[in-house]
């Protein structure tokens, strides 16, 4: 069995934490079809919360890495090798908002 590197462990932990609420929220999307806000607003709110959690986790683990995320300000890398996180906290938001189970947290 292959061992995971430290950076893979950081990414896996961040994805797990960011996806917990997405999984809970995904189960409620069907009930929103009749609500005033609608599923798109609900998906945006879920995406925003996921992004905050994901960026918090990655920044805590590797504070010198830069960050690039849709809907967030780009931060420059202070890392000697100029490393950068590129994230999509809810890749497949249209599917999410329509109750289609093909979406992901991407790093």
N, C-alpha and C. Protein backbone atom coordinates (compact mmCIF):
# COMPACT_ATOMS: atom_id res chain seq x y z
N UNK A 1 0.84 -1.18 0.00
CA UNK A 1 0.00 0.00 0.00
C UNK A 1 0.89 1.24 0.00
N UNK A 2 0.60 2.15 -0.89
CA UNK A 2 1.39 3.37 -0.99
C UNK A 2 1.05 4.32 0.16
N UNK A 3 2.04 4.99 0.65
CA UNK A 3 1.80 5.98 1.70
C UNK A 3 1.54 7.33 1.05
N UNK A 4 0.72 8.12 1.71
CA UNK A 4 0.40 9.44 1.19
C UNK A 4 1.44 10.44 1.67
N UNK A 5 1.75 11.40 0.83
CA UNK A 5 2.69 12.44 1.21
C UNK A 5 2.01 13.45 2.13
N UNK A 6 2.81 14.28 2.77
CA UNK A 6 2.26 15.28 3.69
C UNK A 6 1.33 16.24 2.96
N UNK A 7 1.68 16.63 1.75
CA UNK A 7 0.85 17.59 1.01
C UNK A 7 -0.49 16.97 0.60
N UNK A 8 -0.48 15.69 0.26
CA UNK A 8 -1.73 14.99 -0.07
C UNK A 8 -2.60 14.90 1.18
N UNK A 9 -2.00 14.66 2.33
CA UNK A 9 -2.76 14.62 3.59
C UNK A 9 -3.40 15.97 3.88
N UNK A 10 -2.68 17.06 3.64
CA UNK A 10 -3.22 18.40 3.85
C UNK A 10 -4.43 18.62 2.94
N UNK A 11 -4.28 18.27 1.66
CA UNK A 11 -5.38 18.46 0.71
C UNK A 11 -6.58 17.59 1.05
N UNK A 12 -6.34 16.34 1.42
CA UNK A 12 -7.44 15.44 1.76
C UNK A 12 -8.20 15.95 2.99
N UNK A 13 -7.48 16.40 4.00
CA UNK A 13 -8.12 16.92 5.21
C UNK A 13 -8.94 18.16 4.88
N UNK A 14 -8.40 19.06 4.07
CA UNK A 14 -9.11 20.28 3.70
C UNK A 14 -10.38 19.94 2.90
N UNK A 15 -10.27 19.03 1.95
CA UNK A 15 -11.43 18.62 1.15
C UNK A 15 -12.50 17.98 2.02
N UNK A 16 -12.08 17.14 2.93
CA UNK A 16 -13.03 16.48 3.83
C UNK A 16 -13.80 17.51 4.64
N UNK A 17 -13.08 18.46 5.23
CA UNK A 17 -13.73 19.47 6.05
C UNK A 17 -14.64 20.38 5.23
N UNK A 18 -14.21 20.74 4.03
CA UNK A 18 -15.01 21.61 3.17
C UNK A 18 -16.25 20.89 2.63
N UNK A 19 -16.16 19.58 2.47
CA UNK A 19 -17.27 18.84 1.87
C UNK A 19 -18.32 18.37 2.87
N UNK A 20 -18.01 18.37 4.15
CA UNK A 20 -19.00 17.89 5.14
C UNK A 20 -20.32 18.64 5.04
N UNK A 21 -20.26 19.97 5.05
CA UNK A 21 -21.49 20.74 4.96
C UNK A 21 -22.12 20.66 3.58
N UNK A 22 -21.28 20.54 2.54
CA UNK A 22 -21.83 20.38 1.19
C UNK A 22 -22.67 19.12 1.09
N UNK A 23 -22.19 18.04 1.68
CA UNK A 23 -22.94 16.78 1.64
C UNK A 23 -24.27 16.92 2.38
N UNK A 24 -24.25 17.60 3.53
CA UNK A 24 -25.48 17.82 4.28
C UNK A 24 -26.44 18.68 3.46
N UNK A 25 -25.92 19.77 2.90
CA UNK A 25 -26.76 20.69 2.12
C UNK A 25 -27.31 20.04 0.86
N UNK A 26 -26.51 19.17 0.24
CA UNK A 26 -26.95 18.51 -0.98
C UNK A 26 -28.22 17.70 -0.73
N UNK A 27 -28.33 17.12 0.45
CA UNK A 27 -29.53 16.36 0.79
C UNK A 27 -30.78 17.22 0.91
N UNK A 28 -30.62 18.53 1.05
CA UNK A 28 -31.76 19.43 1.21
C UNK A 28 -32.15 20.14 -0.08
N UNK A 29 -31.40 19.97 -1.14
CA UNK A 29 -31.65 20.70 -2.39
C UNK A 29 -33.05 20.41 -2.94
N UNK A 30 -33.50 19.17 -2.89
CA UNK A 30 -34.81 18.82 -3.45
C UNK A 30 -35.94 19.60 -2.79
N UNK A 31 -35.81 19.90 -1.51
CA UNK A 31 -36.86 20.62 -0.80
C UNK A 31 -36.91 22.09 -1.19
N UNK A 32 -35.88 22.60 -1.85
CA UNK A 32 -35.81 24.01 -2.21
C UNK A 32 -36.50 24.34 -3.53
N UNK A 33 -36.95 23.33 -4.25
CA UNK A 33 -37.56 23.58 -5.55
C UNK A 33 -38.76 24.53 -5.43
N UNK A 34 -39.41 24.55 -4.29
CA UNK A 34 -40.59 25.40 -4.12
C UNK A 34 -40.30 26.63 -3.27
N UNK A 35 -39.08 26.79 -2.80
CA UNK A 35 -38.77 27.94 -1.95
C UNK A 35 -38.57 29.19 -2.79
N UNK A 36 -38.66 30.35 -2.14
CA UNK A 36 -38.50 31.62 -2.83
C UNK A 36 -37.07 31.82 -3.32
N UNK A 37 -36.10 31.47 -2.48
CA UNK A 37 -34.70 31.67 -2.85
C UNK A 37 -34.30 30.78 -4.02
N UNK A 38 -34.70 29.57 -4.00
CA UNK A 38 -34.37 28.66 -5.07
C UNK A 38 -33.03 27.96 -4.87
N UNK A 39 -32.80 26.90 -5.63
CA UNK A 39 -31.60 26.09 -5.46
C UNK A 39 -30.30 26.79 -5.86
N UNK A 40 -30.36 27.74 -6.80
CA UNK A 40 -29.12 28.42 -7.20
C UNK A 40 -28.55 29.26 -6.07
N UNK A 41 -29.42 30.01 -5.38
CA UNK A 41 -28.96 30.80 -4.23
C UNK A 41 -28.44 29.89 -3.12
N UNK A 42 -29.13 28.78 -2.94
CA UNK A 42 -28.72 27.82 -1.92
C UNK A 42 -27.34 27.25 -2.25
N UNK A 43 -27.10 26.91 -3.51
CA UNK A 43 -25.80 26.38 -3.94
C UNK A 43 -24.71 27.44 -3.77
N UNK A 44 -25.02 28.70 -4.05
CA UNK A 44 -24.04 29.78 -3.88
C UNK A 44 -23.65 29.92 -2.42
N UNK A 45 -24.64 29.87 -1.54
CA UNK A 45 -24.36 29.96 -0.10
C UNK A 45 -23.52 28.77 0.36
N UNK A 46 -23.86 27.59 -0.10
CA UNK A 46 -23.09 26.39 0.25
C UNK A 46 -21.67 26.49 -0.29
N UNK A 47 -21.51 26.99 -1.51
CA UNK A 47 -20.20 27.16 -2.13
C UNK A 47 -19.36 28.16 -1.34
N UNK A 48 -19.95 29.27 -0.93
CA UNK A 48 -19.23 30.28 -0.15
C UNK A 48 -18.71 29.71 1.16
N UNK A 49 -19.55 28.96 1.85
CA UNK A 49 -19.14 28.35 3.12
C UNK A 49 -18.03 27.32 2.89
N UNK A 50 -18.16 26.55 1.84
CA UNK A 50 -17.14 25.55 1.51
C UNK A 50 -15.81 26.23 1.18
N UNK A 51 -15.86 27.32 0.41
CA UNK A 51 -14.65 28.04 0.04
C UNK A 51 -13.94 28.59 1.28
N UNK A 52 -14.70 29.19 2.18
CA UNK A 52 -14.09 29.73 3.41
C UNK A 52 -13.38 28.63 4.20
N UNK A 53 -14.05 27.49 4.36
CA UNK A 53 -13.47 26.39 5.12
C UNK A 53 -12.23 25.86 4.42
N UNK A 54 -12.31 25.68 3.12
CA UNK A 54 -11.19 25.16 2.34
C UNK A 54 -9.98 26.10 2.42
N UNK A 55 -10.19 27.38 2.20
CA UNK A 55 -9.09 28.34 2.24
C UNK A 55 -8.51 28.46 3.65
N UNK A 56 -9.36 28.41 4.67
CA UNK A 56 -8.86 28.45 6.05
C UNK A 56 -7.95 27.26 6.34
N UNK A 57 -8.38 26.09 5.94
CA UNK A 57 -7.59 24.87 6.19
C UNK A 57 -6.26 24.90 5.45
N UNK A 58 -6.29 25.27 4.18
CA UNK A 58 -5.06 25.28 3.38
C UNK A 58 -4.10 26.37 3.86
N UNK A 59 -4.63 27.53 4.21
CA UNK A 59 -3.79 28.62 4.71
C UNK A 59 -3.17 28.26 6.05
N UNK A 60 -3.93 27.59 6.89
CA UNK A 60 -3.40 27.18 8.19
C UNK A 60 -2.25 26.17 8.00
N UNK A 61 -2.44 25.23 7.09
CA UNK A 61 -1.44 24.17 6.88
C UNK A 61 -0.20 24.68 6.16
N UNK A 62 -0.37 25.55 5.19
CA UNK A 62 0.75 26.07 4.40
C UNK A 62 0.58 27.58 4.23
N UNK A 63 0.90 28.37 5.27
CA UNK A 63 0.64 29.81 5.23
C UNK A 63 1.42 30.58 4.16
N UNK A 64 2.52 30.04 3.67
CA UNK A 64 3.32 30.74 2.67
C UNK A 64 2.84 30.51 1.24
N UNK A 65 2.01 29.49 1.03
CA UNK A 65 1.51 29.22 -0.33
C UNK A 65 0.53 30.32 -0.74
N UNK A 66 0.52 30.64 -2.02
CA UNK A 66 -0.47 31.56 -2.55
C UNK A 66 -1.80 30.84 -2.73
N UNK A 67 -2.83 31.60 -3.00
CA UNK A 67 -4.18 31.04 -3.18
C UNK A 67 -4.85 31.65 -4.39
N UNK A 68 -5.52 30.80 -5.17
CA UNK A 68 -6.34 31.26 -6.27
C UNK A 68 -7.64 30.48 -6.20
N UNK A 69 -8.74 31.21 -6.03
CA UNK A 69 -10.05 30.56 -5.94
C UNK A 69 -11.09 31.47 -6.58
N UNK A 70 -12.03 30.86 -7.27
CA UNK A 70 -13.11 31.61 -7.88
C UNK A 70 -13.89 32.31 -6.77
N UNK A 71 -14.11 33.60 -6.91
CA UNK A 71 -14.87 34.34 -5.92
C UNK A 71 -14.06 34.82 -4.73
N UNK A 72 -12.75 34.63 -4.77
CA UNK A 72 -11.89 35.08 -3.66
C UNK A 72 -10.72 35.87 -4.23
N UNK A 73 -10.19 36.72 -3.41
CA UNK A 73 -9.03 37.51 -3.82
C UNK A 73 -7.81 36.61 -3.95
N UNK A 74 -7.03 36.81 -5.00
CA UNK A 74 -5.81 36.02 -5.21
C UNK A 74 -4.74 36.51 -4.24
N UNK A 75 -4.11 35.59 -3.56
CA UNK A 75 -3.00 35.97 -2.69
C UNK A 75 -1.71 35.43 -3.29
N UNK A 76 -0.70 36.24 -3.28
CA UNK A 76 0.59 35.86 -3.86
C UNK A 76 1.34 34.92 -2.93
N UNK A 77 2.14 34.08 -3.53
CA UNK A 77 2.94 33.12 -2.79
C UNK A 77 4.15 33.79 -2.15
N UNK A 78 4.40 33.42 -0.90
CA UNK A 78 5.63 33.85 -0.21
C UNK A 78 6.59 32.66 -0.08
N UNK A 79 6.19 31.56 -0.68
CA UNK A 79 6.97 30.33 -0.66
C UNK A 79 8.19 30.47 -1.56
N UNK A 80 9.36 29.96 -1.15
CA UNK A 80 10.57 30.06 -1.99
C UNK A 80 10.41 29.42 -3.37
N UNK A 81 9.57 28.39 -3.46
CA UNK A 81 9.35 27.73 -4.76
C UNK A 81 8.12 28.29 -5.48
N UNK A 82 7.53 29.36 -4.92
CA UNK A 82 6.40 30.04 -5.53
C UNK A 82 5.18 29.12 -5.71
N UNK A 83 4.92 28.26 -4.72
CA UNK A 83 3.78 27.35 -4.81
C UNK A 83 2.47 28.07 -4.55
N UNK A 84 1.41 27.54 -5.14
CA UNK A 84 0.12 28.20 -5.15
C UNK A 84 -0.99 27.15 -5.11
N UNK A 85 -1.98 27.36 -4.24
CA UNK A 85 -3.17 26.51 -4.24
C UNK A 85 -4.14 27.07 -5.27
N UNK A 86 -4.66 26.22 -6.12
CA UNK A 86 -5.72 26.59 -7.06
C UNK A 86 -6.91 25.72 -6.70
N UNK A 87 -7.99 26.36 -6.26
CA UNK A 87 -9.11 25.59 -5.73
C UNK A 87 -10.44 25.98 -6.38
N UNK A 88 -11.32 25.02 -6.42
CA UNK A 88 -12.73 25.24 -6.77
C UNK A 88 -13.52 24.53 -5.68
N UNK A 89 -14.13 25.31 -4.81
CA UNK A 89 -14.76 24.75 -3.62
C UNK A 89 -16.06 24.01 -3.91
N UNK A 90 -16.64 24.24 -5.06
CA UNK A 90 -17.82 23.46 -5.50
C UNK A 90 -17.79 23.37 -7.01
N UNK A 91 -17.00 22.44 -7.50
CA UNK A 91 -16.87 22.20 -8.93
C UNK A 91 -18.10 21.41 -9.36
N UNK A 92 -18.93 22.00 -10.20
CA UNK A 92 -20.19 21.36 -10.60
C UNK A 92 -21.37 21.95 -9.84
N UNK A 93 -21.34 23.26 -9.63
CA UNK A 93 -22.39 23.90 -8.83
C UNK A 93 -23.77 23.79 -9.50
N UNK A 94 -23.82 23.78 -10.82
CA UNK A 94 -25.12 23.60 -11.51
C UNK A 94 -25.71 22.22 -11.18
N UNK A 95 -24.86 21.20 -11.24
CA UNK A 95 -25.33 19.86 -10.87
C UNK A 95 -25.81 19.86 -9.41
N UNK A 96 -25.03 20.47 -8.53
CA UNK A 96 -25.39 20.54 -7.11
C UNK A 96 -26.76 21.18 -6.95
N UNK A 97 -26.97 22.31 -7.61
CA UNK A 97 -28.23 23.04 -7.44
C UNK A 97 -29.43 22.32 -8.04
N UNK A 98 -29.18 21.38 -8.96
CA UNK A 98 -30.27 20.61 -9.56
C UNK A 98 -30.40 19.21 -8.96
N UNK A 99 -29.65 18.94 -7.91
CA UNK A 99 -29.76 17.65 -7.23
C UNK A 99 -29.09 16.50 -7.97
N UNK A 100 -28.16 16.82 -8.88
CA UNK A 100 -27.44 15.79 -9.63
C UNK A 100 -26.13 15.51 -8.89
N UNK A 101 -25.89 14.26 -8.50
CA UNK A 101 -24.75 13.95 -7.63
C UNK A 101 -23.40 13.85 -8.35
N UNK A 102 -23.11 14.81 -9.20
CA UNK A 102 -21.81 14.86 -9.89
C UNK A 102 -21.19 16.23 -9.67
N UNK A 103 -20.54 16.39 -8.53
CA UNK A 103 -19.87 17.61 -8.16
C UNK A 103 -18.72 17.24 -7.24
N UNK A 104 -17.79 18.18 -7.03
CA UNK A 104 -16.61 17.85 -6.24
C UNK A 104 -15.99 19.12 -5.64
N UNK A 105 -15.15 18.90 -4.64
CA UNK A 105 -14.26 19.93 -4.13
C UNK A 105 -12.93 19.66 -4.81
N UNK A 106 -12.39 20.67 -5.52
CA UNK A 106 -11.18 20.46 -6.31
C UNK A 106 -10.02 21.32 -5.80
N UNK A 107 -8.87 20.69 -5.67
CA UNK A 107 -7.62 21.40 -5.36
C UNK A 107 -6.61 21.02 -6.41
